[in-house]
Amino acid sequence: MEAFSSTQRFRMWEYIVSHSTLLLRHRSDFTTVDIIFSGVDYLEIPDMFNGLIIDAPNAQEEERLLVRANKREENGRLPNYRSYLLLTEGRRFFVVAASCVICESEAGIQGLLDWGDRSQINIIYTSLNPSAEAYQSQNQ
């Protein structure tokens, strides 16, 4: 997984329990950057990020997440999920989810369920769980 890095401030904007979806957002006068985690199974995050790096956790953190998320290990990885490290101001936080998509738009969306015209959204980062990556590579 390639890391995503930003010096911008992000806030936890929305979490929809019924869709297991988390939205972190940076909003300025000109652009909105949304980080959308889908299929969220576990999260351990603050409500504000002053600068943000999204990467993979190290092996010890991954093992700890298996226990915390109550998942059984399959080949040393969370089955059908991906673990994400969220690094801000030297502190390490975690999300276990099926995917992460980061997109940028000029208009911005109000919330996760309010996406209107998607043609004005620029996707700048995508990370899928291992089984979704395998499916995508087989069907391209």
N, C-alpha and C. Protein backbone atom coordinates (compact mmCIF):
# COMPACT_ATOMS: atom_id res chain seq x y z
N MET A 1 0.84 -1.17 0.00
CA MET A 1 0.00 0.00 0.00
C MET A 1 0.90 1.24 0.00
N GLU A 2 0.64 2.14 -0.93
CA GLU A 2 1.36 3.41 -0.95
C GLU A 2 0.80 4.33 0.12
N ALA A 3 1.68 5.12 0.70
CA ALA A 3 1.25 6.05 1.74
C ALA A 3 0.63 7.29 1.11
N PHE A 4 -0.31 7.87 1.84
CA PHE A 4 -0.89 9.17 1.51
C PHE A 4 -0.38 10.15 2.55
N SER A 5 -0.01 11.35 2.13
CA SER A 5 0.51 12.33 3.06
C SER A 5 -0.08 13.71 2.75
N SER A 6 -0.43 14.44 3.81
CA SER A 6 -0.97 15.78 3.65
C SER A 6 -0.60 16.62 4.88
N THR A 7 -0.35 17.88 4.67
CA THR A 7 -0.09 18.80 5.78
C THR A 7 -1.37 19.49 6.22
N GLN A 8 -2.47 19.21 5.57
CA GLN A 8 -3.75 19.86 5.87
C GLN A 8 -4.36 19.32 7.16
N ARG A 9 -5.30 20.07 7.71
CA ARG A 9 -6.02 19.66 8.91
C ARG A 9 -7.29 18.91 8.48
N PHE A 10 -7.47 17.72 9.04
CA PHE A 10 -8.66 16.91 8.77
C PHE A 10 -9.44 16.73 10.07
N ARG A 11 -10.77 16.67 9.92
CA ARG A 11 -11.65 16.40 11.06
C ARG A 11 -12.47 15.16 10.79
N MET A 12 -12.84 14.45 11.86
CA MET A 12 -13.79 13.37 11.69
C MET A 12 -15.13 14.05 11.42
N TRP A 13 -15.63 13.87 10.22
CA TRP A 13 -16.80 14.61 9.77
C TRP A 13 -18.09 13.83 9.98
N GLU A 14 -18.00 12.52 9.70
CA GLU A 14 -19.23 11.73 9.74
C GLU A 14 -18.88 10.25 9.86
N TYR A 15 -19.71 9.53 10.62
CA TYR A 15 -19.63 8.08 10.67
C TYR A 15 -21.05 7.55 10.58
N ILE A 16 -21.28 6.69 9.59
CA ILE A 16 -22.61 6.11 9.40
C ILE A 16 -22.55 4.65 9.83
N VAL A 17 -23.17 4.36 10.94
CA VAL A 17 -23.13 3.02 11.51
C VAL A 17 -23.73 1.99 10.56
N SER A 18 -24.88 2.29 9.98
CA SER A 18 -25.56 1.31 9.12
C SER A 18 -24.77 0.99 7.86
N HIS A 19 -23.89 1.89 7.43
CA HIS A 19 -23.07 1.64 6.25
C HIS A 19 -21.61 1.36 6.61
N SER A 20 -21.29 1.38 7.90
CA SER A 20 -19.91 1.18 8.38
C SER A 20 -18.93 2.06 7.59
N THR A 21 -19.27 3.34 7.47
CA THR A 21 -18.49 4.25 6.65
C THR A 21 -18.07 5.46 7.47
N LEU A 22 -16.78 5.81 7.34
CA LEU A 22 -16.20 6.93 8.07
C LEU A 22 -15.71 7.98 7.09
N LEU A 23 -16.03 9.24 7.37
CA LEU A 23 -15.59 10.35 6.54
C LEU A 23 -14.72 11.29 7.37
N LEU A 24 -13.46 11.47 6.93
CA LEU A 24 -12.58 12.49 7.47
C LEU A 24 -12.50 13.57 6.40
N ARG A 25 -12.53 14.85 6.81
CA ARG A 25 -12.62 15.92 5.81
C ARG A 25 -11.69 17.08 6.13
N HIS A 26 -11.10 17.60 5.05
CA HIS A 26 -10.42 18.89 5.08
C HIS A 26 -11.24 19.82 4.19
N ARG A 27 -11.58 20.97 4.72
CA ARG A 27 -12.38 21.91 3.94
C ARG A 27 -11.71 23.27 3.96
N SER A 28 -11.54 23.86 2.79
CA SER A 28 -11.01 25.21 2.68
C SER A 28 -11.97 26.02 1.81
N ASP A 29 -11.62 27.26 1.55
CA ASP A 29 -12.47 28.10 0.70
C ASP A 29 -12.54 27.60 -0.73
N PHE A 30 -11.52 26.86 -1.15
CA PHE A 30 -11.43 26.47 -2.57
C PHE A 30 -11.63 24.99 -2.83
N THR A 31 -11.24 24.13 -1.90
CA THR A 31 -11.36 22.69 -2.13
C THR A 31 -11.81 21.95 -0.88
N THR A 32 -12.33 20.78 -1.12
CA THR A 32 -12.66 19.85 -0.05
C THR A 32 -11.93 18.55 -0.35
N VAL A 33 -11.22 18.02 0.63
CA VAL A 33 -10.57 16.72 0.50
C VAL A 33 -11.27 15.78 1.47
N ASP A 34 -11.80 14.69 0.94
CA ASP A 34 -12.52 13.71 1.74
C ASP A 34 -11.75 12.40 1.77
N ILE A 35 -11.61 11.84 2.96
CA ILE A 35 -11.02 10.51 3.16
C ILE A 35 -12.17 9.63 3.62
N ILE A 36 -12.50 8.64 2.80
CA ILE A 36 -13.66 7.79 3.06
C ILE A 36 -13.21 6.35 3.28
N PHE A 37 -13.43 5.86 4.49
CA PHE A 37 -13.16 4.46 4.81
C PHE A 37 -14.49 3.73 4.74
N SER A 38 -14.54 2.66 3.95
CA SER A 38 -15.76 1.86 3.82
C SER A 38 -15.54 0.50 4.46
N GLY A 39 -16.62 -0.09 4.94
CA GLY A 39 -16.52 -1.39 5.60
C GLY A 39 -15.69 -1.31 6.86
N VAL A 40 -15.88 -0.24 7.63
CA VAL A 40 -15.09 -0.05 8.85
C VAL A 40 -15.48 -1.11 9.88
N ASP A 41 -14.46 -1.80 10.38
CA ASP A 41 -14.68 -2.84 11.36
C ASP A 41 -14.13 -2.45 12.73
N TYR A 42 -13.16 -1.54 12.74
CA TYR A 42 -12.55 -1.11 13.99
C TYR A 42 -11.91 0.25 13.74
N LEU A 43 -12.05 1.15 14.71
CA LEU A 43 -11.35 2.42 14.59
C LEU A 43 -10.90 2.91 15.95
N GLU A 44 -9.77 3.58 15.91
CA GLU A 44 -9.13 4.11 17.10
C GLU A 44 -8.48 5.42 16.66
N ILE A 45 -9.29 6.50 16.64
CA ILE A 45 -8.82 7.77 16.08
C ILE A 45 -9.30 8.96 16.91
N PRO A 46 -8.60 10.10 16.80
CA PRO A 46 -9.09 11.33 17.41
C PRO A 46 -10.07 12.02 16.47
N ASP A 47 -10.66 13.11 16.89
CA ASP A 47 -11.58 13.82 16.01
C ASP A 47 -10.88 14.85 15.13
N MET A 48 -9.59 15.14 15.39
CA MET A 48 -8.86 16.15 14.61
C MET A 48 -7.46 15.63 14.28
N PHE A 49 -7.05 15.88 13.04
CA PHE A 49 -5.71 15.52 12.57
C PHE A 49 -5.04 16.78 12.04
N ASN A 50 -3.94 17.19 12.64
CA ASN A 50 -3.16 18.34 12.15
C ASN A 50 -2.03 17.79 11.29
N GLY A 51 -2.30 17.65 10.01
CA GLY A 51 -1.41 16.92 9.11
C GLY A 51 -1.72 15.45 9.26
N LEU A 52 -1.57 14.69 8.17
CA LEU A 52 -1.97 13.29 8.21
C LEU A 52 -1.17 12.46 7.23
N ILE A 53 -0.70 11.31 7.70
CA ILE A 53 -0.08 10.31 6.84
C ILE A 53 -0.90 9.03 7.03
N ILE A 54 -1.30 8.42 5.92
CA ILE A 54 -2.00 7.13 5.96
C ILE A 54 -1.06 6.10 5.36
N ASP A 55 -0.78 5.07 6.10
CA ASP A 55 0.17 4.04 5.68
C ASP A 55 -0.25 2.71 6.30
N ALA A 56 0.58 1.70 6.15
CA ALA A 56 0.32 0.40 6.76
C ALA A 56 0.97 0.35 8.14
N PRO A 57 0.33 -0.28 9.12
CA PRO A 57 0.94 -0.43 10.44
C PRO A 57 2.09 -1.42 10.38
N ASN A 58 2.97 -1.36 11.38
CA ASN A 58 4.06 -2.34 11.43
C ASN A 58 3.50 -3.69 11.89
N ALA A 59 4.34 -4.73 11.89
CA ALA A 59 3.89 -6.10 12.19
C ALA A 59 3.31 -6.22 13.60
N GLN A 60 3.92 -5.58 14.58
CA GLN A 60 3.42 -5.66 15.96
C GLN A 60 2.06 -4.97 16.07
N GLU A 61 1.90 -3.83 15.42
CA GLU A 61 0.62 -3.13 15.45
C GLU A 61 -0.46 -3.94 14.75
N GLU A 62 -0.10 -4.56 13.64
CA GLU A 62 -1.05 -5.40 12.89
C GLU A 62 -1.53 -6.56 13.77
N GLU A 63 -0.61 -7.18 14.48
CA GLU A 63 -0.96 -8.30 15.36
C GLU A 63 -1.89 -7.82 16.48
N ARG A 64 -1.61 -6.67 17.06
CA ARG A 64 -2.45 -6.11 18.10
C ARG A 64 -3.85 -5.78 17.58
N LEU A 65 -3.91 -5.31 16.32
CA LEU A 65 -5.21 -4.99 15.72
C LEU A 65 -6.05 -6.25 15.49
N LEU A 66 -5.39 -7.37 15.18
CA LEU A 66 -6.12 -8.63 15.02
C LEU A 66 -6.87 -8.97 16.30
N VAL A 67 -6.22 -8.77 17.43
CA VAL A 67 -6.84 -9.06 18.72
C VAL A 67 -7.94 -8.04 19.02
N ARG A 68 -7.63 -6.76 18.87
CA ARG A 68 -8.60 -5.70 19.18
C ARG A 68 -9.84 -5.76 18.30
N ALA A 69 -9.65 -6.08 17.01
CA ALA A 69 -10.78 -6.15 16.09
C ALA A 69 -11.49 -7.50 16.15
N ASN A 70 -10.97 -8.39 17.02
CA ASN A 70 -11.56 -9.72 17.19
C ASN A 70 -11.64 -10.49 15.87
N LYS A 71 -10.53 -10.46 15.14
CA LYS A 71 -10.43 -11.18 13.87
C LYS A 71 -9.46 -12.32 14.02
N ARG A 72 -9.69 -13.38 13.30
CA ARG A 72 -8.71 -14.45 13.32
C ARG A 72 -7.73 -14.24 12.18
N GLU A 73 -6.53 -14.61 12.43
CA GLU A 73 -5.46 -14.36 11.48
C GLU A 73 -5.51 -15.36 10.33
N GLU A 74 -5.37 -14.84 9.11
CA GLU A 74 -5.24 -15.67 7.92
C GLU A 74 -4.01 -15.17 7.18
N ASN A 75 -2.95 -15.97 7.19
CA ASN A 75 -1.69 -15.59 6.56
C ASN A 75 -1.14 -14.28 7.10
N GLY A 76 -1.34 -14.04 8.39
CA GLY A 76 -0.79 -12.85 9.02
C GLY A 76 -1.53 -11.56 8.68
N ARG A 77 -2.67 -11.64 8.03
CA ARG A 77 -3.43 -10.44 7.63
C ARG A 77 -4.87 -10.55 8.12
N LEU A 78 -5.51 -9.41 8.24
CA LEU A 78 -6.93 -9.42 8.56
C LEU A 78 -7.71 -9.90 7.33
N PRO A 79 -8.53 -10.92 7.44
CA PRO A 79 -9.27 -11.41 6.28
C PRO A 79 -10.28 -10.38 5.79
N ASN A 80 -10.26 -10.10 4.49
CA ASN A 80 -11.18 -9.18 3.84
C ASN A 80 -11.13 -7.74 4.36
N TYR A 81 -10.11 -7.42 5.11
CA TYR A 81 -9.95 -6.07 5.63
C TYR A 81 -8.51 -5.63 5.41
N ARG A 82 -8.30 -4.36 5.55
CA ARG A 82 -6.95 -3.81 5.50
C ARG A 82 -6.79 -2.94 6.74
N SER A 83 -5.62 -2.98 7.32
CA SER A 83 -5.31 -2.14 8.48
C SER A 83 -4.65 -0.87 7.99
N TYR A 84 -5.08 0.26 8.51
CA TYR A 84 -4.53 1.56 8.13
C TYR A 84 -3.94 2.23 9.36
N LEU A 85 -2.74 2.74 9.21
CA LEU A 85 -2.09 3.56 10.22
C LEU A 85 -2.37 5.01 9.86
N LEU A 86 -2.88 5.79 10.80
CA LEU A 86 -3.09 7.22 10.61
C LEU A 86 -2.14 7.94 11.55
N LEU A 87 -1.17 8.60 10.99
CA LEU A 87 -0.12 9.25 11.76
C LEU A 87 -0.33 10.76 11.74
N THR A 88 -0.39 11.38 12.91
CA THR A 88 -0.55 12.82 13.02
C THR A 88 0.22 13.32 14.23
N GLU A 89 1.02 14.33 14.03
CA GLU A 89 1.80 14.94 15.11
C GLU A 89 2.56 13.91 15.93
N GLY A 90 3.13 12.91 15.25
CA GLY A 90 3.92 11.89 15.92
C GLY A 90 3.11 10.83 16.65
N ARG A 91 1.79 10.90 16.61
CA ARG A 91 0.94 9.92 17.28
C ARG A 91 0.36 8.96 16.24
N ARG A 92 0.18 7.70 16.64
CA ARG A 92 -0.26 6.65 15.75
C ARG A 92 -1.68 6.20 16.11
N PHE A 93 -2.56 6.20 15.10
CA PHE A 93 -3.94 5.77 15.28
C PHE A 93 -4.27 4.75 14.18
N PHE A 94 -5.40 4.05 14.34
CA PHE A 94 -5.67 2.94 13.43
C PHE A 94 -7.13 2.85 13.00
N VAL A 95 -7.31 2.38 11.77
CA VAL A 95 -8.62 2.03 11.24
C VAL A 95 -8.47 0.68 10.55
N VAL A 96 -9.41 -0.21 10.79
CA VAL A 96 -9.49 -1.48 10.08
C VAL A 96 -10.74 -1.38 9.21
N ALA A 97 -10.55 -1.44 7.88
CA ALA A 97 -11.67 -1.25 6.96
C ALA A 97 -11.43 -2.03 5.68
N ALA A 98 -12.47 -2.15 4.89
CA ALA A 98 -12.35 -2.84 3.61
C ALA A 98 -11.63 -1.99 2.58
N SER A 99 -11.82 -0.66 2.63
CA SER A 99 -11.18 0.20 1.64
C SER A 99 -11.06 1.63 2.14
N CYS A 100 -10.22 2.37 1.44
CA CYS A 100 -10.04 3.80 1.71
C CYS A 100 -9.95 4.51 0.36
N VAL A 101 -10.74 5.54 0.19
CA VAL A 101 -10.70 6.35 -1.02
C VAL A 101 -10.55 7.80 -0.58
N ILE A 102 -9.64 8.51 -1.23
CA ILE A 102 -9.45 9.93 -0.94
C ILE A 102 -9.75 10.70 -2.21
N CYS A 103 -10.64 11.67 -2.10
CA CYS A 103 -11.02 12.44 -3.27
C CYS A 103 -11.05 13.92 -2.94
N GLU A 104 -10.92 14.70 -3.99
CA GLU A 104 -10.86 16.14 -3.88
C GLU A 104 -11.90 16.74 -4.82
N SER A 105 -12.55 17.80 -4.37
CA SER A 105 -13.51 18.47 -5.22
C SER A 105 -13.54 19.95 -4.87
N GLU A 106 -14.04 20.73 -5.80
CA GLU A 106 -14.18 22.16 -5.54
C GLU A 106 -15.45 22.44 -4.76
N ALA A 107 -16.50 21.74 -5.07
CA ALA A 107 -17.79 22.00 -4.44
C ALA A 107 -17.88 21.32 -3.07
N GLY A 108 -17.34 20.13 -2.98
CA GLY A 108 -17.48 19.37 -1.75
C GLY A 108 -18.85 18.74 -1.66
N ILE A 109 -18.96 17.76 -0.81
CA ILE A 109 -20.25 17.12 -0.57
C ILE A 109 -20.67 17.43 0.85
N GLN A 110 -21.95 17.41 1.09
CA GLN A 110 -22.45 17.69 2.44
C GLN A 110 -22.13 16.53 3.37
N GLY A 111 -22.41 15.33 2.91
CA GLY A 111 -22.19 14.14 3.72
C GLY A 111 -22.02 12.94 2.81
N LEU A 112 -21.81 11.80 3.41
CA LEU A 112 -21.54 10.60 2.63
C LEU A 112 -22.70 10.19 1.74
N LEU A 113 -23.91 10.46 2.16
CA LEU A 113 -25.07 10.04 1.38
C LEU A 113 -25.56 11.12 0.41
N ASP A 114 -24.84 12.25 0.36
CA ASP A 114 -25.29 13.38 -0.45
C ASP A 114 -24.47 13.58 -1.73
N TRP A 115 -23.76 12.57 -2.17
CA TRP A 115 -22.94 12.73 -3.36
C TRP A 115 -23.86 12.95 -4.56
N GLY A 116 -23.71 14.08 -5.20
CA GLY A 116 -24.52 14.39 -6.37
C GLY A 116 -23.73 14.08 -7.63
N ASP A 117 -23.26 15.11 -8.30
CA ASP A 117 -22.53 14.98 -9.55
C ASP A 117 -21.10 14.53 -9.28
N ARG A 118 -20.83 13.25 -9.47
CA ARG A 118 -19.50 12.69 -9.18
C ARG A 118 -18.47 13.04 -10.24
N SER A 119 -18.89 13.65 -11.35
CA SER A 119 -17.94 14.00 -12.41
C SER A 119 -16.99 15.11 -11.97
N GLN A 120 -17.34 15.84 -10.94
CA GLN A 120 -16.50 16.93 -10.46
C GLN A 120 -15.59 16.49 -9.31
N ILE A 121 -15.53 15.20 -9.04
CA ILE A 121 -14.71 14.67 -7.95
C ILE A 121 -13.45 14.05 -8.55
N ASN A 122 -12.31 14.42 -8.01
CA ASN A 122 -11.02 13.89 -8.44
C ASN A 122 -10.52 12.90 -7.39
N ILE A 123 -10.41 11.62 -7.73
CA ILE A 123 -9.92 10.61 -6.79
C ILE A 123 -8.40 10.69 -6.80
N ILE A 124 -7.82 10.90 -5.61
CA ILE A 124 -6.37 11.06 -5.53
C ILE A 124 -5.68 9.90 -4.82
N TYR A 125 -6.44 8.96 -4.26
CA TYR A 125 -5.84 7.82 -3.56
C TYR A 125 -6.91 6.75 -3.40
N THR A 126 -6.53 5.50 -3.64
CA THR A 126 -7.44 4.37 -3.43
C THR A 126 -6.66 3.22 -2.83
N SER A 127 -7.21 2.59 -1.82
CA SER A 127 -6.62 1.41 -1.22
C SER A 127 -7.75 0.44 -0.91
N LEU A 128 -7.64 -0.76 -1.45
CA LEU A 128 -8.70 -1.76 -1.27
C LEU A 128 -8.18 -2.93 -0.44
N ASN A 129 -9.11 -3.70 0.11
CA ASN A 129 -8.70 -4.90 0.84
C ASN A 129 -8.11 -5.90 -0.15
N PRO A 130 -7.31 -6.86 0.32
CA PRO A 130 -6.62 -7.79 -0.59
C PRO A 130 -7.54 -8.56 -1.53
N SER A 131 -8.71 -9.01 -1.07
CA SER A 131 -9.60 -9.77 -1.96
C SER A 131 -10.20 -8.86 -3.03
N ALA A 132 -10.48 -7.60 -2.71
CA ALA A 132 -11.00 -6.65 -3.71
C ALA A 132 -9.92 -6.32 -4.73
N GLU A 133 -8.67 -6.20 -4.29
CA GLU A 133 -7.57 -5.95 -5.23
C GLU A 133 -7.42 -7.12 -6.20
N ALA A 134 -7.51 -8.35 -5.67
CA ALA A 134 -7.39 -9.53 -6.53
C ALA A 134 -8.53 -9.57 -7.54
N TYR A 135 -9.74 -9.28 -7.11
CA TYR A 135 -10.89 -9.27 -8.01
C TYR A 135 -10.71 -8.21 -9.09
N GLN A 136 -10.27 -7.02 -8.70
CA GLN A 136 -10.09 -5.92 -9.63
C GLN A 136 -9.02 -6.24 -10.68
N SER A 137 -7.92 -6.85 -10.24
CA SER A 137 -6.84 -7.17 -11.18
C SER A 137 -7.26 -8.29 -12.15
N GLN A 138 -8.11 -9.22 -11.71
CA GLN A 138 -8.57 -10.31 -12.56
C GLN A 138 -9.63 -9.84 -13.57
N ASN A 139 -10.31 -8.75 -13.28
CA ASN A 139 -11.42 -8.31 -14.12
C ASN A 139 -11.14 -6.98 -14.84
N GLN A 140 -9.90 -6.71 -15.13
CA GLN A 140 -9.57 -5.50 -15.88
C GLN A 140 -9.28 -5.82 -17.30
